[in-house]
């Protein structure tokens, strides 16, 4: 039997998790997605838009919209519930806040994540900014939901145990996947986004 190299570790070629997510995201085609999943994804998009509109009528929602409009930036993406358009990253922040603001957005209970407030809002904002088709936006949203749930399911309950909010942590990976899918990024660029998301984790659940 061959001895392992000095140090006691045998090198096993493998693909990083970031690259696997990148391949999955960029390889996902709507024609390959089961019809019930596509229908559910469309419902999720409508549900998130509705949640954003509902929150936009509340005082906290109006404050979010006012603050985001003041940030300026290129008029790339729509603020849901307002007439203004702002930079894509600002739109994601505002619309994601509105989507979860009343806590009526979707929840994957075993992964403990709210997928739509991240995946849908990112897909809509980045898709609008890059001129992506509705089909591409839906594909990106589906990929983001899948990635987010997979990350949450990998460590069920452990984020909460350390006082972190799973949605913000798993959502970083989802947002990277969605942005790559909506913008049609190459695999290398997409995997770097996922790696960057891993390196920049944050999201305390303390109140």
C-alpha atoms as a PDB file:
ATOM      1  CA  UNK A   1       0.000   0.000   0.000  1.00  0.00           C
ATOM      2  CA  UNK A   2       1.358   3.419  -0.933  1.00  0.00           C
ATOM      3  CA  UNK A   3       2.399   5.575   1.963  1.00  0.00           C
ATOM      4  CA  UNK A   4       0.853   9.010   2.369  1.00  0.00           C
ATOM      5  CA  UNK A   5       3.173  11.966   1.805  1.00  0.00           C
ATOM      6  CA  UNK A   6       5.048  13.464   4.737  1.00  0.00           C
ATOM      7  CA  UNK A   7       2.598  15.174   7.028  1.00  0.00           C
ATOM      8  CA  UNK A   8       0.158  12.276   7.025  1.00  0.00           C
ATOM      9  CA  UNK A   9      -2.330  13.628   4.480  1.00  0.00           C
ATOM     10  CA  UNK A  10      -3.146  12.022   1.163  1.00  0.00           C
ATOM     11  CA  UNK A  11      -4.034  14.481  -1.578  1.00  0.00           C
ATOM     12  CA  UNK A  12      -7.474  13.731  -2.971  1.00  0.00           C
ATOM     13  CA  UNK A  13      -8.395  15.793  -6.028  1.00  0.00           C
ATOM     14  CA  UNK A  14     -11.714  17.489  -5.461  1.00  0.00           C
ATOM     15  CA  UNK A  15     -13.756  20.435  -6.569  1.00  0.00           C
ATOM     16  CA  UNK A  16     -14.305  23.178  -4.038  1.00  0.00           C
ATOM     17  CA  UNK A  17     -17.797  23.838  -2.776  1.00  0.00           C
ATOM     18  CA  UNK A  18     -17.639  27.274  -4.404  1.00  0.00           C
ATOM     19  CA  UNK A  19     -16.913  25.721  -7.792  1.00  0.00           C
ATOM     20  CA  UNK A  20     -19.715  23.205  -7.371  1.00  0.00           C
ATOM     21  CA  UNK A  21     -22.145  25.994  -6.625  1.00  0.00           C
ATOM     22  CA  UNK A  22     -20.827  27.912  -9.634  1.00  0.00           C
ATOM     23  CA  UNK A  23     -21.301  24.936 -11.965  1.00  0.00           C
ATOM     24  CA  UNK A  24     -24.789  24.331 -10.636  1.00  0.00           C
ATOM     25  CA  UNK A  25     -25.823  27.974 -10.921  1.00  0.00           C
ATOM     26  CA  UNK A  26     -24.476  28.579 -14.413  1.00  0.00           C
ATOM     27  CA  UNK A  27     -25.610  25.184 -15.667  1.00  0.00           C
ATOM     28  CA  UNK A  28     -29.193  25.460 -14.470  1.00  0.00           C
ATOM     29  CA  UNK A  29     -31.704  25.736 -17.322  1.00  0.00           C
ATOM     30  CA  UNK A  30     -35.406  26.301 -16.802  1.00  0.00           C
ATOM     31  CA  UNK A  31     -36.245  23.478 -19.218  1.00  0.00           C
ATOM     32  CA  UNK A  32     -34.523  21.035 -16.852  1.00  0.00           C
ATOM     33  CA  UNK A  33     -36.442  22.207 -13.783  1.00  0.00           C
ATOM     34  CA  UNK A  34     -39.601  20.216 -12.927  1.00  0.00           C
ATOM     35  CA  UNK A  35     -42.793  22.110 -13.779  1.00  0.00           C
ATOM     36  CA  UNK A  36     -44.067  22.132 -10.159  1.00  0.00           C
ATOM     37  CA  UNK A  37     -40.788  23.757  -9.056  1.00  0.00           C
ATOM     38  CA  UNK A  38     -41.087  26.418 -11.761  1.00  0.00           C
ATOM     39  CA  UNK A  39     -44.664  27.146 -10.691  1.00  0.00           C
ATOM     40  CA  UNK A  40     -43.602  27.390  -7.055  1.00  0.00           C
ATOM     41  CA  UNK A  41     -40.760  29.730  -8.015  1.00  0.00           C
ATOM     42  CA  UNK A  42     -43.169  32.016  -9.859  1.00  0.00           C
ATOM     43  CA  UNK A  43     -45.433  32.048  -6.801  1.00  0.00           C
ATOM     44  CA  UNK A  44     -42.442  32.913  -4.628  1.00  0.00           C
ATOM     45  CA  UNK A  45     -41.569  35.892  -6.831  1.00  0.00           C
ATOM     46  CA  UNK A  46     -45.130  37.206  -6.608  1.00  0.00           C
ATOM     47  CA  UNK A  47     -45.229  36.565  -2.860  1.00  0.00           C
ATOM     48  CA  UNK A  48     -42.024  38.519  -2.282  1.00  0.00           C
ATOM     49  CA  UNK A  49     -43.189  41.440  -4.416  1.00  0.00           C
ATOM     50  CA  UNK A  50     -46.431  41.471  -2.438  1.00  0.00           C
ATOM     51  CA  UNK A  51     -44.534  41.428   0.855  1.00  0.00           C
ATOM     52  CA  UNK A  52     -42.400  44.344  -0.332  1.00  0.00           C
ATOM     53  CA  UNK A  53     -45.459  46.352  -1.345  1.00  0.00           C
ATOM     54  CA  UNK A  54     -47.126  45.687   2.005  1.00  0.00           C
ATOM     55  CA  UNK A  55     -44.024  46.775   3.930  1.00  0.00           C
ATOM     56  CA  UNK A  56     -43.663  49.892   1.789  1.00  0.00           C
ATOM     57  CA  UNK A  57     -46.920  51.193   3.281  1.00  0.00           C
ATOM     58  CA  UNK A  58     -45.601  50.942   6.837  1.00  0.00           C
ATOM     59  CA  UNK A  59     -43.571  53.675   8.519  1.00  0.00           C
ATOM     60  CA  UNK A  60     -40.444  51.502   8.700  1.00  0.00           C
ATOM     61  CA  UNK A  61     -40.853  50.690   5.021  1.00  0.00           C
ATOM     62  CA  UNK A  62     -41.163  54.329   4.035  1.00  0.00           C
ATOM     63  CA  UNK A  63     -38.044  55.065   6.093  1.00  0.00           C
ATOM     64  CA  UNK A  64     -36.157  52.306   4.270  1.00  0.00           C
ATOM     65  CA  UNK A  65     -37.189  53.704   0.900  1.00  0.00           C
ATOM     66  CA  UNK A  66     -36.285  57.275   1.823  1.00  0.00           C
ATOM     67  CA  UNK A  67     -32.888  56.236   3.149  1.00  0.00           C
ATOM     68  CA  UNK A  68     -32.146  54.131   0.086  1.00  0.00           C
ATOM     69  CA  UNK A  69     -33.127  56.885  -2.333  1.00  0.00           C
ATOM     70  CA  UNK A  70     -30.683  59.194  -0.556  1.00  0.00           C
ATOM     71  CA  UNK A  71     -27.818  56.785  -1.310  1.00  0.00           C
ATOM     72  CA  UNK A  72     -28.014  57.656  -4.985  1.00  0.00           C
ATOM     73  CA  UNK A  73     -26.042  55.690  -7.534  1.00  0.00           C
ATOM     74  CA  UNK A  74     -26.899  54.728 -11.083  1.00  0.00           C
ATOM     75  CA  UNK A  75     -30.643  54.268 -11.726  1.00  0.00           C
ATOM     76  CA  UNK A  76     -30.246  50.538 -12.363  1.00  0.00           C
ATOM     77  CA  UNK A  77     -32.944  48.791 -10.356  1.00  0.00           C
ATOM     78  CA  UNK A  78     -36.443  49.490  -9.071  1.00  0.00           C
ATOM     79  CA  UNK A  79     -37.282  50.119  -5.448  1.00  0.00           C
ATOM     80  CA  UNK A  80     -40.446  48.087  -4.941  1.00  0.00           C
ATOM     81  CA  UNK A  81     -43.162  50.389  -3.640  1.00  0.00           C
ATOM     82  CA  UNK A  82     -41.512  53.578  -4.884  1.00  0.00           C
ATOM     83  CA  UNK A  83     -41.094  55.366  -8.186  1.00  0.00           C
ATOM     84  CA  UNK A  84     -37.336  55.669  -7.810  1.00  0.00           C
ATOM     85  CA  UNK A  85     -34.599  53.523  -9.291  1.00  0.00           C
ATOM     86  CA  UNK A  86     -31.243  53.168  -7.565  1.00  0.00           C
ATOM     87  CA  UNK A  87     -28.025  51.186  -7.817  1.00  0.00           C
ATOM     88  CA  UNK A  88     -28.593  47.428  -7.924  1.00  0.00           C
ATOM     89  CA  UNK A  89     -26.865  46.757  -4.596  1.00  0.00           C
ATOM     90  CA  UNK A  90     -28.942  49.452  -2.899  1.00  0.00           C
ATOM     91  CA  UNK A  91     -32.128  48.000  -4.384  1.00  0.00           C
ATOM     92  CA  UNK A  92     -31.261  44.534  -3.077  1.00  0.00           C
ATOM     93  CA  UNK A  93     -30.697  45.908   0.418  1.00  0.00           C
ATOM     94  CA  UNK A  94     -33.932  47.896   0.461  1.00  0.00           C
ATOM     95  CA  UNK A  95     -36.161  45.332  -1.216  1.00  0.00           C
ATOM     96  CA  UNK A  96     -34.748  42.516   0.903  1.00  0.00           C
ATOM     97  CA  UNK A  97     -35.512  44.530   4.032  1.00  0.00           C
ATOM     98  CA  UNK A  98     -39.051  45.187   2.829  1.00  0.00           C
ATOM     99  CA  UNK A  99     -39.580  41.543   1.867  1.00  0.00           C
ATOM    100  CA  UNK A 100     -38.816  40.350   5.392  1.00  0.00           C
ATOM    101  CA  UNK A 101     -40.101  43.436   7.191  1.00  0.00           C
ATOM    102  CA  UNK A 102     -43.509  42.056   8.163  1.00  0.00           C
ATOM    103  CA  UNK A 103     -42.178  38.493   8.536  1.00  0.00           C
ATOM    104  CA  UNK A 104     -44.683  37.124   6.026  1.00  0.00           C
ATOM    105  CA  UNK A 105     -42.030  35.903   3.605  1.00  0.00           C
ATOM    106  CA  UNK A 106     -41.329  32.230   3.000  1.00  0.00           C
ATOM    107  CA  UNK A 107     -39.431  30.066   5.484  1.00  0.00           C
ATOM    108  CA  UNK A 108     -37.609  26.781   4.951  1.00  0.00           C
ATOM    109  CA  UNK A 109     -37.967  25.541   8.511  1.00  0.00           C
ATOM    110  CA  UNK A 110     -35.399  22.738   8.564  1.00  0.00           C
ATOM    111  CA  UNK A 111     -32.732  25.019   7.074  1.00  0.00           C
ATOM    112  CA  UNK A 112     -34.101  27.986   9.068  1.00  0.00           C
ATOM    113  CA  UNK A 113     -33.798  30.432   6.166  1.00  0.00           C
ATOM    114  CA  UNK A 114     -36.038  32.962   4.433  1.00  0.00           C
ATOM    115  CA  UNK A 115     -35.081  32.359   0.811  1.00  0.00           C
ATOM    116  CA  UNK A 116     -37.187  34.818  -1.155  1.00  0.00           C
ATOM    117  CA  UNK A 117     -36.058  37.941   0.647  1.00  0.00           C
ATOM    118  CA  UNK A 118     -32.545  37.192  -0.614  1.00  0.00           C
ATOM    119  CA  UNK A 119     -32.813  35.143  -3.806  1.00  0.00           C
ATOM    120  CA  UNK A 120     -35.795  36.894  -5.388  1.00  0.00           C
ATOM    121  CA  UNK A 121     -34.817  40.459  -4.535  1.00  0.00           C
ATOM    122  CA  UNK A 122     -31.268  39.886  -5.793  1.00  0.00           C
ATOM    123  CA  UNK A 123     -32.474  38.226  -8.996  1.00  0.00           C
ATOM    124  CA  UNK A 124     -34.887  41.067  -9.745  1.00  0.00           C
ATOM    125  CA  UNK A 125     -32.404  43.859  -9.037  1.00  0.00           C
ATOM    126  CA  UNK A 126     -29.407  42.346 -10.809  1.00  0.00           C
ATOM    127  CA  UNK A 127     -31.555  41.087 -13.659  1.00  0.00           C
ATOM    128  CA  UNK A 128     -32.982  44.560 -14.224  1.00  0.00           C
ATOM    129  CA  UNK A 129     -29.555  46.174 -14.025  1.00  0.00           C
ATOM    130  CA  UNK A 130     -28.030  43.780 -16.556  1.00  0.00           C
ATOM    131  CA  UNK A 131     -31.019  43.567 -18.892  1.00  0.00           C
ATOM    132  CA  UNK A 132     -31.516  39.863 -18.237  1.00  0.00           C
ATOM    133  CA  UNK A 133     -34.599  38.111 -19.554  1.00  0.00           C
ATOM    134  CA  UNK A 134     -37.417  37.080 -17.254  1.00  0.00           C
ATOM    135  CA  UNK A 135     -36.403  33.493 -17.879  1.00  0.00           C
ATOM    136  CA  UNK A 136     -32.838  34.180 -16.746  1.00  0.00           C
ATOM    137  CA  UNK A 137     -34.097  35.982 -13.653  1.00  0.00           C
ATOM    138  CA  UNK A 138     -36.280  33.011 -12.719  1.00  0.00           C
ATOM    139  CA  UNK A 139     -33.404  30.575 -13.283  1.00  0.00           C
ATOM    140  CA  UNK A 140     -31.157  32.684 -11.069  1.00  0.00           C
ATOM    141  CA  UNK A 141     -33.783  32.881  -8.329  1.00  0.00           C
ATOM    142  CA  UNK A 142     -34.262  29.105  -8.362  1.00  0.00           C
ATOM    143  CA  UNK A 143     -30.504  28.561  -8.158  1.00  0.00           C
ATOM    144  CA  UNK A 144     -30.254  31.005  -5.270  1.00  0.00           C
ATOM    145  CA  UNK A 145     -33.020  29.300  -3.307  1.00  0.00           C
ATOM    146  CA  UNK A 146     -31.377  25.905  -3.821  1.00  0.00           C
ATOM    147  CA  UNK A 147     -27.932  27.113  -2.751  1.00  0.00           C
ATOM    148  CA  UNK A 148     -29.337  28.921   0.277  1.00  0.00           C
ATOM    149  CA  UNK A 149     -31.243  25.861   1.462  1.00  0.00           C
ATOM    150  CA  UNK A 150     -28.246  23.585   0.928  1.00  0.00           C
ATOM    151  CA  UNK A 151     -26.025  25.821   3.047  1.00  0.00           C
ATOM    152  CA  UNK A 152     -28.655  26.034   5.778  1.00  0.00           C
ATOM    153  CA  UNK A 153     -29.238  22.282   5.760  1.00  0.00           C
ATOM    154  CA  UNK A 154     -25.506  21.610   6.056  1.00  0.00           C
ATOM    155  CA  UNK A 155     -25.450  23.038   9.576  1.00  0.00           C
ATOM    156  CA  UNK A 156     -29.045  22.910  10.861  1.00  0.00           C
ATOM    157  CA  UNK A 157     -29.451  24.904  14.047  1.00  0.00           C
ATOM    158  CA  UNK A 158     -25.738  25.603  14.461  1.00  0.00           C
ATOM    159  CA  UNK A 159     -25.900  29.210  13.275  1.00  0.00           C
ATOM    160  CA  UNK A 160     -28.580  29.991  15.835  1.00  0.00           C
ATOM    161  CA  UNK A 161     -26.584  28.197  18.514  1.00  0.00           C
ATOM    162  CA  UNK A 162     -23.808  30.730  17.942  1.00  0.00           C
ATOM    163  CA  UNK A 163     -26.262  33.642  17.831  1.00  0.00           C
ATOM    164  CA  UNK A 164     -26.103  34.188  14.090  1.00  0.00           C
ATOM    165  CA  UNK A 165     -29.033  34.596  11.734  1.00  0.00           C
ATOM    166  CA  UNK A 166     -28.963  31.755   9.158  1.00  0.00           C
ATOM    167  CA  UNK A 167     -30.687  33.871   6.514  1.00  0.00           C
ATOM    168  CA  UNK A 168     -27.869  36.411   6.424  1.00  0.00           C
ATOM    169  CA  UNK A 169     -25.130  33.770   6.433  1.00  0.00           C
ATOM    170  CA  UNK A 170     -26.610  31.331   3.924  1.00  0.00           C
ATOM    171  CA  UNK A 171     -28.000  34.288   2.013  1.00  0.00           C
ATOM    172  CA  UNK A 172     -24.503  35.524   1.175  1.00  0.00           C
ATOM    173  CA  UNK A 173     -23.902  32.377  -0.858  1.00  0.00           C
ATOM    174  CA  UNK A 174     -27.350  32.618  -2.429  1.00  0.00           C
ATOM    175  CA  UNK A 175     -26.858  36.243  -3.437  1.00  0.00           C
ATOM    176  CA  UNK A 176     -23.500  35.388  -5.029  1.00  0.00           C
ATOM    177  CA  UNK A 177     -25.125  32.546  -6.971  1.00  0.00           C
ATOM    178  CA  UNK A 178     -28.046  34.703  -8.070  1.00  0.00           C
ATOM    179  CA  UNK A 179     -25.857  37.600  -9.172  1.00  0.00           C
ATOM    180  CA  UNK A 180     -23.659  35.239 -11.182  1.00  0.00           C
ATOM    181  CA  UNK A 181     -26.670  33.600 -12.807  1.00  0.00           C
ATOM    182  CA  UNK A 182     -28.460  36.852 -13.613  1.00  0.00           C
ATOM    183  CA  UNK A 183     -25.335  38.458 -15.025  1.00  0.00           C
ATOM    184  CA  UNK A 184     -24.214  35.330 -16.887  1.00  0.00           C
ATOM    185  CA  UNK A 185     -20.819  35.259 -15.192  1.00  0.00           C
ATOM    186  CA  UNK A 186     -18.170  32.703 -16.070  1.00  0.00           C
ATOM    187  CA  UNK A 187     -17.580  29.795 -13.675  1.00  0.00           C
ATOM    188  CA  UNK A 188     -14.293  31.179 -12.334  1.00  0.00           C
ATOM    189  CA  UNK A 189     -15.836  34.552 -11.545  1.00  0.00           C
ATOM    190  CA  UNK A 190     -18.831  32.876  -9.936  1.00  0.00           C
ATOM    191  CA  UNK A 191     -16.719  30.640  -7.695  1.00  0.00           C
ATOM    192  CA  UNK A 192     -14.734  33.673  -6.580  1.00  0.00           C
ATOM    193  CA  UNK A 193     -17.973  35.384  -5.596  1.00  0.00           C
ATOM    194  CA  UNK A 194     -18.901  32.364  -3.472  1.00  0.00           C
ATOM    195  CA  UNK A 195     -15.463  32.315  -1.892  1.00  0.00           C
ATOM    196  CA  UNK A 196     -15.716  36.011  -1.136  1.00  0.00           C
ATOM    197  CA  UNK A 197     -19.135  35.439   0.420  1.00  0.00           C
ATOM    198  CA  UNK A 198     -17.650  32.764   2.677  1.00  0.00           C
ATOM    199  CA  UNK A 199     -14.849  35.073   3.755  1.00  0.00           C
ATOM    200  CA  UNK A 200     -17.179  37.950   4.624  1.00  0.00           C
ATOM    201  CA  UNK A 201     -19.759  36.212   6.784  1.00  0.00           C
ATOM    202  CA  UNK A 202     -21.718  38.300   9.274  1.00  0.00           C
ATOM    203  CA  UNK A 203     -25.215  38.499  10.667  1.00  0.00           C
ATOM    204  CA  UNK A 204     -25.775  38.480  14.404  1.00  0.00           C
ATOM    205  CA  UNK A 205     -29.251  37.444  15.534  1.00  0.00           C
ATOM    206  CA  UNK A 206     -28.956  39.374  18.798  1.00  0.00           C
ATOM    207  CA  UNK A 207     -31.632  41.972  19.480  1.00  0.00           C
END
